[in-house]
Protein backbone atom coordinates (compact mmCIF):
# COMPACT_ATOMS: atom_id res chain seq x y z
CA MET A 1 -1.04 -50.65 0.36
CA PRO A 2 -0.87 -53.70 -1.81
CA GLY A 3 -3.87 -54.13 -4.08
CA GLU A 4 -4.90 -50.47 -3.96
CA ALA A 5 -5.59 -48.63 -7.27
CA HIS A 6 -3.08 -45.94 -8.10
CA VAL A 7 -4.69 -42.53 -7.61
CA PRO A 8 -2.50 -39.93 -9.54
CA LEU A 9 -1.32 -36.99 -7.63
CA LEU A 10 -2.36 -34.54 -10.45
CA PRO A 11 -5.12 -34.85 -12.95
CA VAL A 12 -3.94 -36.10 -16.24
CA THR A 13 -7.00 -35.66 -18.67
CA PRO A 14 -9.36 -32.74 -18.93
CA GLU A 15 -12.12 -34.76 -17.02
CA GLU A 16 -9.55 -35.67 -14.53
CA ARG A 17 -8.27 -32.16 -14.19
CA VAL A 18 -11.80 -31.20 -13.40
CA GLN A 19 -12.83 -33.92 -11.20
CA GLY A 20 -9.50 -34.77 -9.37
CA THR A 21 -9.65 -37.35 -6.58
CA PHE A 22 -12.92 -36.06 -4.72
CA ASP A 23 -16.33 -36.58 -6.24
CA CYS A 24 -16.67 -32.77 -6.54
CA GLU A 25 -20.34 -31.58 -7.75
CA ARG A 26 -19.41 -28.58 -9.42
CA THR A 27 -16.32 -26.99 -11.10
CA VAL A 28 -15.79 -23.29 -11.26
CA LEU A 29 -13.59 -21.99 -14.09
CA VAL A 30 -11.60 -18.98 -12.78
CA VAL A 31 -10.56 -17.02 -15.61
CA GLY A 32 -7.74 -14.48 -14.99
CA ARG A 33 -6.63 -12.04 -17.67
CA THR A 34 -4.74 -9.11 -16.10
CA VAL A 35 -2.88 -8.78 -12.47
CA THR A 36 -5.62 -6.63 -11.25
CA SER A 37 -8.41 -8.88 -12.25
CA THR A 38 -6.65 -11.96 -11.19
CA ALA A 39 -5.89 -10.59 -7.64
CA ARG A 40 -9.73 -10.00 -7.32
CA LEU A 41 -10.55 -13.51 -8.34
CA LEU A 42 -7.93 -14.86 -5.69
CA GLU A 43 -10.03 -12.95 -3.13
CA ALA A 44 -13.37 -14.20 -4.59
CA VAL A 45 -12.30 -18.04 -4.16
CA ARG A 46 -12.88 -17.44 -0.38
CA PHE A 47 -16.60 -17.71 -1.08
CA PHE A 48 -15.95 -21.43 -1.83
CA ARG A 49 -14.13 -22.16 1.44
CA ASN A 50 -14.57 -25.48 3.12
CA ASP A 51 -16.97 -26.61 0.48
CA PHE A 52 -15.75 -29.94 -1.04
CA ARG A 53 -18.68 -29.82 -3.45
CA VAL A 54 -17.02 -27.00 -5.42
CA LYS A 55 -13.62 -27.11 -7.09
CA PRO A 56 -11.97 -23.97 -8.56
CA VAL A 57 -9.87 -24.58 -11.90
CA PHE A 58 -7.75 -21.71 -12.94
CA THR A 59 -6.95 -20.48 -16.52
CA VAL A 60 -5.71 -17.37 -17.94
CA ASN A 61 -6.98 -15.63 -21.05
CA GLY A 62 -3.90 -14.19 -22.40
CA THR A 63 -5.15 -11.31 -24.24
CA SER A 64 -3.71 -8.62 -22.36
CA LYS A 65 -0.25 -7.35 -22.36
CA TYR A 66 -0.38 -7.92 -18.53
CA SER A 67 -1.43 -11.56 -18.73
CA ALA A 68 2.13 -12.81 -17.98
CA GLY A 69 1.81 -11.05 -14.72
CA ALA A 70 -1.46 -12.98 -14.16
CA ARG A 71 0.29 -16.11 -14.48
CA ARG A 72 3.18 -15.15 -11.96
CA LEU A 73 0.55 -13.99 -9.49
CA LEU A 74 -1.46 -17.33 -9.58
CA GLU A 75 1.99 -19.26 -9.22
CA SER A 76 2.93 -17.02 -6.04
CA ALA A 77 -0.61 -17.70 -4.68
CA GLY A 78 -0.01 -21.40 -4.78
CA VAL A 79 -1.92 -22.35 -7.77
CA GLU A 80 0.10 -25.19 -9.16
CA GLU A 81 -1.69 -25.81 -12.24
CA VAL A 82 -3.26 -23.30 -14.83
CA VAL A 83 -5.14 -24.67 -17.50
CA PRO A 84 -4.08 -23.44 -20.95
CA TRP A 85 -6.59 -21.37 -22.56
CA SER A 86 -6.58 -23.61 -25.64
CA GLU A 87 -7.94 -26.51 -23.48
CA VAL A 88 -10.74 -24.72 -21.97
CA GLY A 89 -13.00 -25.88 -24.52
CA ASP A 90 -12.48 -29.26 -23.61
CA LEU A 91 -13.34 -28.77 -19.76
CA HIS A 92 -16.66 -29.30 -18.24
CA TYR A 93 -17.69 -26.81 -15.59
CA ALA A 94 -20.77 -25.17 -14.11
CA LEU A 95 -19.63 -21.58 -13.96
CA ALA A 96 -17.00 -19.30 -15.35
CA LEU A 97 -15.92 -16.63 -12.89
CA SER A 98 -13.97 -13.58 -14.31
CA ALA A 99 -12.96 -9.94 -12.91
CA SER A 100 -12.60 -8.88 -16.45
CA GLU A 101 -15.02 -7.63 -19.25
CA ASN A 102 -12.43 -8.35 -21.94
CA ILE A 103 -12.16 -12.08 -21.80
CA ASP A 104 -13.07 -14.21 -24.77
CA PHE A 105 -16.60 -14.93 -23.94
CA ASP A 106 -16.87 -16.81 -27.11
CA ASP A 107 -14.67 -19.60 -26.00
CA LEU A 108 -16.78 -20.15 -22.82
CA ARG A 109 -19.71 -22.48 -22.46
CA GLY A 110 -22.48 -22.04 -19.83
CA PRO A 111 -23.08 -19.25 -17.50
CA SER A 112 -20.43 -16.75 -16.47
CA VAL A 113 -20.32 -14.12 -13.84
CA VAL A 114 -18.07 -10.88 -14.14
CA LEU A 115 -17.00 -9.40 -10.87
CA PRO A 116 -15.89 -5.74 -10.77
CA HIS A 117 -12.28 -5.16 -10.16
CA GLY A 118 -12.58 -1.59 -9.39
CA ILE A 119 -15.42 0.58 -8.37
CA GLY A 120 -18.25 1.26 -10.93
CA PHE A 121 -17.99 2.37 -14.39
CA ASN A 122 -16.08 5.49 -14.27
CA LYS A 123 -13.92 5.88 -17.37
CA TRP A 124 -14.19 5.44 -21.19
CA VAL A 125 -11.90 3.16 -22.94
CA PRO A 126 -11.44 2.26 -26.71
CA ASP A 127 -13.70 -0.15 -28.32
CA PRO A 128 -11.86 -2.11 -31.02
CA ALA A 129 -15.15 -3.59 -32.14
CA THR A 130 -16.89 -0.32 -33.01
CA GLY A 131 -13.70 1.89 -33.35
CA GLY A 132 -15.38 4.02 -30.77
CA THR A 133 -15.31 4.03 -26.96
CA ARG A 134 -17.22 2.15 -24.32
CA LEU A 135 -17.54 2.08 -20.46
CA ALA A 136 -14.54 0.31 -18.94
CA GLY A 137 -16.03 -2.66 -17.05
CA LEU A 138 -18.94 -3.37 -19.53
CA PRO A 139 -18.91 -6.64 -21.45
CA PRO A 140 -19.11 -6.66 -25.27
CA VAL A 141 -22.75 -6.44 -26.40
CA SER A 142 -22.33 -9.83 -28.17
CA ALA A 143 -21.72 -11.58 -24.76
CA LEU A 144 -24.64 -9.94 -23.31
CA ARG A 145 -26.84 -10.90 -25.87
CA THR A 146 -26.16 -14.65 -25.19
CA GLY A 147 -27.93 -14.46 -22.01
CA ARG A 148 -25.13 -16.38 -20.32
CA VAL A 149 -23.20 -13.40 -18.73
CA ARG A 150 -24.04 -11.88 -15.47
CA LEU A 151 -22.54 -8.56 -14.35
CA VAL A 152 -21.98 -7.99 -10.65
CA LEU A 153 -22.81 -4.32 -9.54
CA SER A 154 -22.31 -2.48 -6.20
CA HIS A 155 -25.06 -0.08 -6.63
CA PRO A 156 -28.45 0.08 -8.29
CA ALA A 157 -27.42 3.27 -9.82
CA GLN A 158 -24.73 1.44 -11.93
CA GLU A 159 -27.66 -0.48 -13.51
CA ARG A 160 -29.35 2.69 -14.65
CA GLN A 161 -26.02 4.21 -15.73
CA LEU A 162 -25.40 1.12 -17.86
CA LEU A 163 -29.01 0.86 -19.48
CA GLU A 164 -28.41 4.36 -20.87
CA VAL A 165 -25.63 3.19 -22.86
CA CYS A 166 -26.24 -0.44 -23.49
CA PRO A 167 -29.83 -1.58 -23.50
CA GLU A 168 -28.71 -5.14 -23.87
CA VAL A 169 -27.51 -5.10 -20.12
CA ALA A 170 -31.12 -5.46 -18.90
CA GLY A 171 -31.82 -8.39 -16.66
CA ARG A 172 -28.05 -9.32 -17.01
CA THR A 173 -27.02 -7.52 -13.78
CA ALA A 174 -26.91 -8.43 -10.08
CA VAL A 175 -26.47 -5.89 -7.43
CA THR A 176 -24.67 -7.17 -4.49
CA GLY A 177 -22.75 -4.33 -2.83
CA ASP A 178 -19.04 -4.30 -2.67
CA PRO A 179 -17.33 -6.93 -0.50
CA THR A 180 -14.18 -5.08 -0.54
CA TYR A 181 -15.77 -2.09 0.77
CA ASP A 182 -17.41 -4.11 3.49
CA GLN A 183 -14.10 -5.59 4.24
CA LEU A 184 -12.39 -2.29 4.60
CA ARG A 185 -15.10 -0.65 6.65
CA ALA A 186 -15.26 -3.64 8.97
CA ALA A 187 -11.36 -3.53 9.59
CA LEU A 188 -11.60 0.29 10.57
CA PRO A 189 -11.81 -0.53 14.52
CA LEU A 190 -8.28 -2.52 13.84
CA ARG A 191 -6.37 0.54 12.58
CA ARG A 192 -4.43 0.79 15.81
CA ARG A 193 -3.49 -2.82 15.30
CA TYR A 194 -2.24 -2.15 11.61
CA ARG A 195 -0.58 1.05 12.67
CA ARG A 196 1.36 -0.97 15.45
CA GLU A 197 2.26 -3.87 12.79
CA LEU A 198 3.71 -1.01 10.71
CA GLY A 199 5.82 0.24 13.60
CA LEU A 200 4.35 3.61 13.19
CA ASP A 201 5.11 4.35 17.19
CA GLY A 202 3.10 7.66 17.19
CA ARG A 203 3.90 8.70 13.69
CA LYS A 204 1.00 9.45 11.10
CA LEU A 205 0.72 7.42 7.99
CA VAL A 206 0.65 9.40 4.71
CA LEU A 207 -0.56 6.90 2.10
CA LEU A 208 0.17 7.91 -1.65
CA SER A 209 -1.90 5.96 -4.13
CA SER A 210 -1.42 5.95 -7.74
CA THR A 211 -3.32 4.25 -10.68
CA TRP A 212 -1.79 3.75 -14.04
CA ARG A 213 -1.17 5.68 -17.22
CA SER A 214 0.07 9.11 -17.79
CA GLU A 215 -2.80 10.94 -16.01
CA SER A 216 -2.13 9.13 -12.68
CA GLU A 217 -0.42 10.59 -9.64
CA LEU A 218 3.15 9.30 -10.63
CA GLY A 219 2.30 9.92 -14.18
CA ARG A 220 1.93 13.57 -13.46
CA TRP A 221 4.11 13.89 -10.39
CA ARG A 222 6.76 11.44 -10.31
CA THR A 223 8.87 13.10 -7.69
CA LEU A 224 5.90 13.46 -5.07
CA PRO A 225 7.09 10.47 -2.67
CA LEU A 226 10.56 12.13 -2.34
CA GLU A 227 9.24 15.58 -2.00
CA LEU A 228 7.08 14.50 0.66
CA LEU A 229 9.66 12.68 2.58
CA ALA A 230 11.77 15.87 2.36
CA ALA A 231 8.96 17.83 3.59
CA LEU A 232 7.79 15.69 6.50
CA PRO A 233 9.86 15.10 9.52
CA ALA A 234 10.70 11.41 9.85
CA ASP A 235 9.98 11.03 13.41
CA GLU A 236 6.27 12.30 12.90
CA TYR A 237 5.44 10.92 9.52
CA GLN A 238 5.75 7.63 7.78
CA VAL A 239 5.13 7.76 3.87
CA ALA A 240 3.92 4.87 1.83
CA LEU A 241 3.06 4.23 -1.65
CA VAL A 242 0.63 2.15 -3.40
CA ILE A 243 1.07 1.55 -7.28
CA HIS A 244 -1.46 0.00 -9.59
CA PRO A 245 -0.67 -3.63 -10.09
CA ASN A 246 -0.35 -3.08 -13.89
CA VAL A 247 2.73 -0.65 -13.43
CA TRP A 248 4.37 -3.52 -11.30
CA SER A 249 3.48 -6.31 -13.97
CA TRP A 250 4.64 -4.28 -17.11
CA TYR A 251 7.82 -2.83 -15.54
CA GLY A 252 8.80 -5.44 -13.08
CA SER A 253 9.62 -5.05 -9.37
CA GLY A 254 13.29 -4.39 -10.14
CA VAL A 255 12.43 -1.39 -12.36
CA VAL A 256 9.96 0.08 -9.93
CA ARG A 257 12.25 -0.05 -6.98
CA ASN A 258 15.05 1.35 -9.10
CA TRP A 259 12.89 4.21 -9.56
CA PHE A 260 12.27 4.86 -6.16
CA SER A 261 15.70 3.87 -4.87
CA ASP A 262 16.15 7.34 -3.37
CA ALA A 263 12.74 7.48 -1.80
CA LEU A 264 13.35 3.82 -0.34
CA ASP A 265 16.62 4.93 1.08
CA ALA A 266 14.64 7.69 2.73
CA GLY A 267 12.14 5.35 4.32
CA LEU A 268 9.59 5.03 1.90
CA LEU A 269 7.22 1.96 2.56
CA LEU A 270 6.50 0.59 -0.85
CA VAL A 271 3.57 -1.59 -0.52
CA PRO A 272 3.45 -4.85 -2.47
CA PRO A 273 1.21 -4.93 -5.48
CA HIS A 274 -1.26 -7.64 -4.34
CA ARG A 275 -1.24 -7.99 -0.69
CA GLY A 276 -1.36 -5.16 1.81
CA TRP A 277 -3.08 -2.29 0.33
CA HIS A 278 -6.18 -2.76 2.22
CA ALA A 279 -4.10 -2.92 5.55
CA ALA A 280 -2.45 0.39 4.55
CA LEU A 281 -5.47 2.11 3.53
CA VAL A 282 -7.15 1.26 7.00
CA ALA A 283 -4.17 2.27 8.76
CA ALA A 284 -3.61 5.60 6.93
CA HIS A 285 -4.11 9.12 8.67
CA VAL A 286 -4.34 10.80 5.24
CA VAL A 287 -4.40 9.73 1.73
CA VAL A 288 -2.96 11.43 -1.38
CA GLY A 289 -4.44 9.96 -4.31
CA ASP A 290 -5.87 10.42 -7.96
CA HIS A 291 -8.80 9.16 -9.93
CA GLY A 292 -8.03 5.43 -8.90
CA SER A 293 -10.35 3.36 -6.88
CA VAL A 294 -8.25 3.64 -3.70
CA SER A 295 -9.09 7.29 -3.48
CA LEU A 296 -12.81 6.62 -3.72
CA TYR A 297 -12.51 4.08 -1.14
CA ALA A 298 -10.68 6.26 1.06
CA ALA A 299 -13.30 8.96 0.76
CA ALA A 300 -16.12 6.46 1.57
CA LEU A 301 -14.19 5.20 4.72
CA GLY A 302 -14.03 8.97 5.77
CA LYS A 303 -10.34 9.23 5.34
CA PRO A 304 -8.75 12.78 4.79
CA LEU A 305 -7.92 12.83 1.35
CA LEU A 306 -5.97 15.00 -1.15
CA LEU A 307 -5.87 14.68 -4.99
CA ALA A 308 -2.36 15.03 -6.51
CA ALA A 309 -3.74 14.20 -9.83
CA PHE A 310 -6.81 13.66 -11.59
CA GLY A 311 -7.39 12.31 -15.28
CA ALA A 312 -9.65 13.42 -17.90
CA GLU A 313 -10.78 9.96 -18.86
CA HIS A 314 -13.35 9.70 -16.23
CA VAL A 315 -17.08 9.61 -17.18
CA ALA A 316 -19.06 12.94 -16.54
CA GLY A 317 -21.46 12.50 -13.72
CA SER A 318 -19.92 9.40 -12.32
CA PRO A 319 -18.94 9.14 -8.71
CA ILE A 320 -15.31 9.55 -9.35
CA GLU A 321 -15.92 12.61 -11.33
CA ALA A 322 -17.88 13.84 -8.37
CA LEU A 323 -14.75 13.20 -6.05
CA GLY A 324 -12.60 15.19 -8.40
CA ARG A 325 -14.82 18.35 -8.06
CA THR A 326 -15.47 18.13 -4.49
CA ALA A 327 -12.21 16.85 -2.86
CA ASP A 328 -9.25 19.13 -2.17
CA HIS A 329 -6.29 19.06 -4.38
CA LEU A 330 -2.64 19.09 -3.57
CA ASP A 331 -0.81 22.05 -4.89
CA PRO A 332 2.78 21.43 -6.00
CA ARG A 333 3.47 25.15 -5.78
CA ALA A 334 2.52 25.29 -1.96
CA ASP A 335 4.03 24.09 1.36
CA LEU A 336 3.28 20.38 1.25
CA ARG A 337 3.59 19.77 4.83
CA GLU A 338 1.22 22.67 5.44
CA GLN A 339 -1.32 21.23 3.11
CA VAL A 340 -1.04 17.72 4.65
CA GLU A 341 -1.33 19.10 8.25
CA HIS A 342 -4.33 21.28 7.29
CA ARG A 343 -6.29 18.30 5.99
CA LEU A 344 -5.60 16.43 9.02
CA GLY A 345 -6.54 19.13 11.28
CA ASP A 346 -9.65 20.32 9.23
CA HIS A 347 -11.45 17.04 8.52
CA ASP A 348 -14.82 15.93 8.43
CA PRO A 349 -15.22 12.27 8.29
CA ASP A 350 -18.85 12.47 6.86
CA ARG A 351 -17.56 14.73 4.06
CA PHE A 352 -18.11 12.09 1.40
CA ALA A 353 -20.94 10.23 3.23
CA GLY A 354 -23.47 10.98 0.50
CA LEU A 355 -20.98 10.06 -2.22
CA ALA A 356 -20.39 6.83 -0.52
CA ALA A 357 -24.24 6.29 -0.49
CA GLU A 358 -24.44 6.68 -4.25
CA VAL A 359 -21.70 3.88 -4.79
CA PHE A 360 -22.14 1.18 -2.10
CA ALA A 361 -25.57 -0.51 -1.60
CA HIS A 362 -26.34 -3.28 0.75
CA VAL A 363 -23.38 -2.22 3.26
CA GLY A 364 -22.55 -5.01 5.42
CA GLU A 365 -24.44 -7.59 3.32
CA ALA A 366 -22.28 -7.82 0.09
CA GLU A 367 -20.22 -10.90 1.11
CA THR A 368 -23.57 -12.99 1.78
CA ARG A 369 -25.36 -11.64 -1.36
CA LEU A 370 -22.39 -12.37 -3.56
CA ARG A 371 -21.96 -15.80 -2.17
CA GLU A 372 -25.61 -16.42 -2.72
CA LEU A 373 -25.45 -15.26 -6.27
CA LEU A 374 -22.50 -17.52 -7.03
CA TYR A 375 -24.33 -20.56 -5.74
CA ARG A 376 -27.59 -19.82 -7.28
CA GLU A 377 -25.54 -19.72 -10.70
CA LEU A 378 -23.94 -22.96 -9.67
CA GLY A 379 -27.39 -24.47 -8.80
CA LEU A 380 -26.35 -25.39 -5.33
CA ALA A 381 -27.44 -24.26 -2.03
CA PRO A 382 -24.81 -22.20 -0.15
CA PRO A 383 -23.12 -23.74 2.97
CA PRO A 384 -24.68 -23.03 6.03
CA GLY A 385 -23.72 -20.05 8.20
CA SER A 386 -22.83 -16.53 7.11
CA ALA A 387 -20.09 -15.96 4.49
CA PRO A 388 -16.86 -15.02 6.22
CA LEU A 389 -15.62 -11.58 6.11
CA LEU A 390 -11.95 -11.97 6.32
CA ARG A 391 -9.33 -9.56 8.14
CA PRO A 392 -7.20 -7.76 5.27
CA PRO A 393 -3.62 -9.13 5.27
CA ASP A 394 -0.83 -7.25 6.75
CA VAL A 395 1.58 -5.25 4.73
CA GLU A 396 4.18 -7.87 3.97
CA GLU A 397 6.94 -5.21 3.70
CA SER A 398 8.98 -2.87 6.04
CA PRO A 399 10.65 0.51 5.28
CA GLN A 400 14.46 0.51 5.15
CA ARG A 401 16.31 2.09 8.20
CA VAL A 402 17.19 5.58 7.30
CA THR A 403 20.83 6.05 7.95
CA ALA A 404 21.34 9.72 7.37
CA PHE A 405 19.41 12.54 8.57
CA ASP A 406 19.31 16.21 7.79
CA THR A 407 18.91 17.32 11.66
CA PHE A 408 17.76 20.27 13.62
CA THR A 409 17.96 20.83 17.32
CA ALA A 410 16.58 23.57 19.55
CA PHE A 411 16.40 23.62 23.33
CA THR A 412 12.66 24.45 24.22
CA ALA A 413 13.30 24.72 28.00
CA PRO A 414 16.53 24.43 29.96
CA ASP A 415 16.44 20.82 30.19
CA ALA A 416 14.31 19.96 27.14
CA LEU A 417 15.82 19.48 23.75
CA ALA A 418 13.72 19.07 20.61
CA LEU A 419 14.92 17.28 17.23
CA TRP A 420 13.51 17.49 13.83
CA ARG A 421 15.10 15.07 11.46
CA TYR A 422 14.75 14.67 7.63
CA PRO A 423 16.15 11.92 5.51
CA ALA A 424 19.17 13.37 3.95
CA VAL A 425 18.87 11.58 0.59
CA ALA A 426 15.57 13.43 -0.03
CA ARG A 427 16.83 16.80 1.43
CA THR A 428 19.88 16.82 -1.06
CA ARG A 429 17.36 17.15 -3.79
CA TRP A 430 14.32 18.75 -2.54
CA GLU A 431 14.50 21.60 0.23
CA ALA A 432 11.41 22.13 1.89
CA ASP A 433 9.91 25.07 3.79
CA GLU A 434 10.69 24.67 7.58
CA HIS A 435 8.37 24.37 10.42
CA ARG A 436 10.45 24.95 13.69
CA PRO A 437 11.89 27.51 15.96
CA SER A 438 14.26 30.00 14.37
CA THR A 439 16.72 28.91 17.20
CA ALA A 440 17.08 25.64 15.74
CA VAL A 441 20.72 24.46 14.53
CA ARG A 442 21.39 22.20 11.56
CA HIS A 443 23.60 19.36 11.30
CA LEU A 444 24.09 15.93 9.24
CA ALA A 445 23.67 12.88 11.24
CA VAL A 446 24.83 9.85 9.63
CA ASP A 447 24.89 6.07 10.79
CA GLU A 448 27.74 3.87 10.21
CA ASP A 449 25.46 1.67 7.87
CA GLU A 450 25.03 4.51 5.40
CA ARG A 451 25.55 3.38 1.93
CA ASN A 452 26.61 6.73 0.35
CA LEU A 453 30.11 6.90 1.09
CA HIS A 454 30.35 10.80 0.75
CA ARG A 455 28.12 11.36 3.74
CA PRO A 456 30.19 10.19 6.61
CA HIS A 457 32.81 12.63 5.46
CA GLN A 458 30.31 15.27 5.57
CA ALA A 459 28.79 14.43 8.84
CA ALA A 460 28.82 16.71 11.93
CA VAL A 461 27.53 13.50 13.98
CA TYR A 462 28.55 9.89 13.13
CA ALA A 463 27.10 7.01 14.99
CA ARG A 464 27.29 3.24 15.23
CA HIS A 465 23.99 1.36 15.45
CA ALA A 466 25.07 -2.04 16.52
CA PRO A 467 25.38 -2.26 20.23
CA ALA A 468 29.11 -2.94 21.78
CA GLY A 469 30.68 -3.03 25.24
CA ARG A 470 31.64 0.36 26.85
CA SER A 471 35.19 0.03 26.35
CA ALA A 472 34.78 -1.25 22.62
CA ALA A 473 32.28 1.49 21.96
CA ALA A 474 34.58 4.29 23.46
CA ALA A 475 37.52 2.86 21.30
CA TRP A 476 35.22 3.06 18.06
CA THR A 477 34.43 6.65 18.88
CA ALA A 478 38.15 7.42 19.14
CA ASP A 479 38.88 5.75 15.76
CA ALA A 480 35.86 7.45 13.95
CA LEU A 481 36.81 10.96 15.07
CA GLU A 482 40.32 10.34 13.75
CA ALA A 483 39.10 8.82 10.50
CA LEU A 484 36.37 11.74 9.89
CA PRO A 485 38.04 15.17 10.54
CA GLY A 486 34.78 16.85 9.91
CA ALA A 487 32.73 15.21 12.58
CA ARG A 488 32.28 16.82 15.88
CA VAL A 489 30.61 13.98 17.66
CA THR A 490 30.95 10.30 17.37
CA ALA A 491 28.76 7.69 19.34
CA ALA A 492 28.43 4.09 19.43
CA ALA A 493 25.57 2.22 20.87
CA THR A 494 25.71 0.24 24.19
CA SER A 495 23.03 -1.81 26.10
CA THR A 496 21.97 1.06 28.00
CA GLY A 497 22.35 3.94 25.35
CA CYS A 498 25.53 4.91 23.85
CA VAL A 499 29.17 6.39 24.52
CA ALA A 500 29.71 9.81 22.70
CA ARG A 501 33.06 11.49 22.22
CA VAL A 502 33.24 15.26 21.50
CA ARG A 503 35.88 16.43 19.39
CA ASN A 504 38.22 18.44 21.57
CA GLY A 505 36.11 17.61 24.55
CA PRO A 506 34.91 14.90 26.89
CA LEU A 507 33.86 11.28 26.54
CA VAL A 508 30.16 11.15 27.57
CA GLU A 509 28.13 8.28 28.78
CA VAL A 510 24.59 8.32 27.65
CA THR A 511 21.78 6.56 29.35
CA ALA A 512 18.59 6.19 27.62
CA ASP A 513 16.35 3.85 25.55
CA ALA A 514 17.02 5.43 22.33
CA ASP A 515 18.78 4.95 18.99
CA ALA A 516 22.30 5.90 19.13
CA LEU A 517 21.79 8.39 16.23
CA VAL A 518 19.20 10.18 18.13
CA LEU A 519 21.39 10.32 21.28
CA ALA A 520 24.39 11.47 19.24
CA SER A 521 22.40 14.60 17.96
CA ALA A 522 21.35 15.30 21.59
CA VAL A 523 24.85 15.52 22.55
CA HIS A 524 25.69 17.50 19.51
CA GLY A 525 22.79 19.92 20.66
CA CYS A 526 24.38 20.12 24.19
CA VAL A 527 27.77 20.98 22.62
CA LEU A 528 26.38 23.95 20.62
CA ASP A 529 24.73 24.78 24.02
CA ARG A 530 27.93 24.46 25.59
CA SER A 531 26.27 22.36 28.20
CA VAL A 532 28.04 18.90 27.92
CA THR A 533 28.21 18.05 31.56
CA ASP A 534 26.53 15.71 34.05
CA ARG A 535 22.92 16.45 33.48
CA THR A 536 19.46 14.82 32.76
CA LEU A 537 17.44 16.27 29.92
CA THR A 538 14.01 15.39 27.94
CA VAL A 539 14.81 14.68 24.26
CA ARG A 540 11.72 14.90 22.00
CA ALA A 541 11.46 13.83 18.30
CA GLY A 542 7.99 13.91 17.02
CA ALA A 543 5.62 12.02 19.24
CA ARG A 544 8.27 10.29 21.18
CA SER A 545 10.39 11.43 24.02
CA TRP A 546 13.40 10.15 26.14
CA SER A 547 14.73 10.85 29.42
CA VAL A 548 18.22 11.11 28.66
CA ARG A 549 21.04 11.14 31.20
CA LEU A 550 24.54 12.41 30.53
CA ALA A 551 27.74 11.39 32.48
CA VAL A 552 30.93 12.87 31.70
CA VAL A 553 33.48 10.16 32.07
CA ARG A 554 37.28 9.68 32.15
CA ASP A 555 38.51 8.34 28.80
């Protein structure tokens, strides 16, 4: 309005950048460094929700080769302004908040709180200052000696561990518990919701989790996702993969997806690096991991766990080292499906309860304790009410629809047909031990949307997924049989099921609420059984079953 003073939409000076257009009492300098630590900080900002007294200001200490990924993450999270590190010295802030022990503490003024970005202090890393090694997660002695750095721990045992190697840490720690563990634990009753959102439909979720570097799961066993997809029937299992954010940051999404292109075609759910791993872990029926934090979270949550790799960089006597000694390991020379199903069937959810008690203190209180610590460092009283414990976000990704299956059919009763289907792209590279009746007969079933142009010419069953009218569907099946001399059955979806055509046989109208490729494979099973006639049968694939009506019609 006329006469009003102009208020800039964005701060333009260091002081204005801190103060902005509201009279904020305190500014928190949020210091990112790597993708992993920045993701943890974005989660921690929730402790200042709804509090106009506190303003977070973001910066990136670009001392890591993964710092560029941290900036991209902040941008994708809606952080419109990131203060250059060179201007941090001109800012006035009450508290610096980081989730990395490797930031340049010398450039910071006032108190700093360092949050963990994993679980505990479980591995040794090179120490450039001394030429030796130090515990990952432990800030430099020079920073601790200033008395301005406070390190957040999840259990008193970690304080005792740190004191043995670094006396300077005395009085510079705060044991709050682990908010991430509390969040995961509180979300367990929602596992059916997460499974529904993932579209499991009765299938079991096998979650692979790999940390980074050469001793990780993928560093040791890069073909594991595809081998599991080859071994586990697609109608019984969904395979998902969580990869450490540093891998995504260093190589980029395009490279990572290209590495797993066959696995993605086979239905692998590749969980995005920053949002979704919590939900995937809660939903998982079994976890296949390594020495990364996700494995320890899985064990503490009572999930069935198999270790596919375990690095030697862990600290002797640490919880992760104990997990490596006591958890079952996945044997690449043995039947993968048998090992997964054994772990599912022979599972004690309290197996690692003792280990969890040594890692996580103040269970159920971590959100409140950490918020109280942050506000105490700020010199403010926390807002009234309890700290929010937010539901983990859903997995913002869906697996690709598999369009070619190595399929087996067998009649288990006169009117009961069972199907076992495996993604063809995985089976062409990895054969697996079979778990089905010896009477099962094999064929290749291919959808019209299949990208590999060789497969339609190899298919015994060829189907169209998109529904069409009955006459159009019948015409399509005739054209497909003519175009693909090797096909025995072609089928096109309709609003009530599909129309299937048998080479040198009848046209069949199939009524069922099922995918055309499933119904076409069922018709193929009847062809081999020489029982293509008017009939009703039960078709089962994994946990799903359908009542399927076959009616032979005139063309």
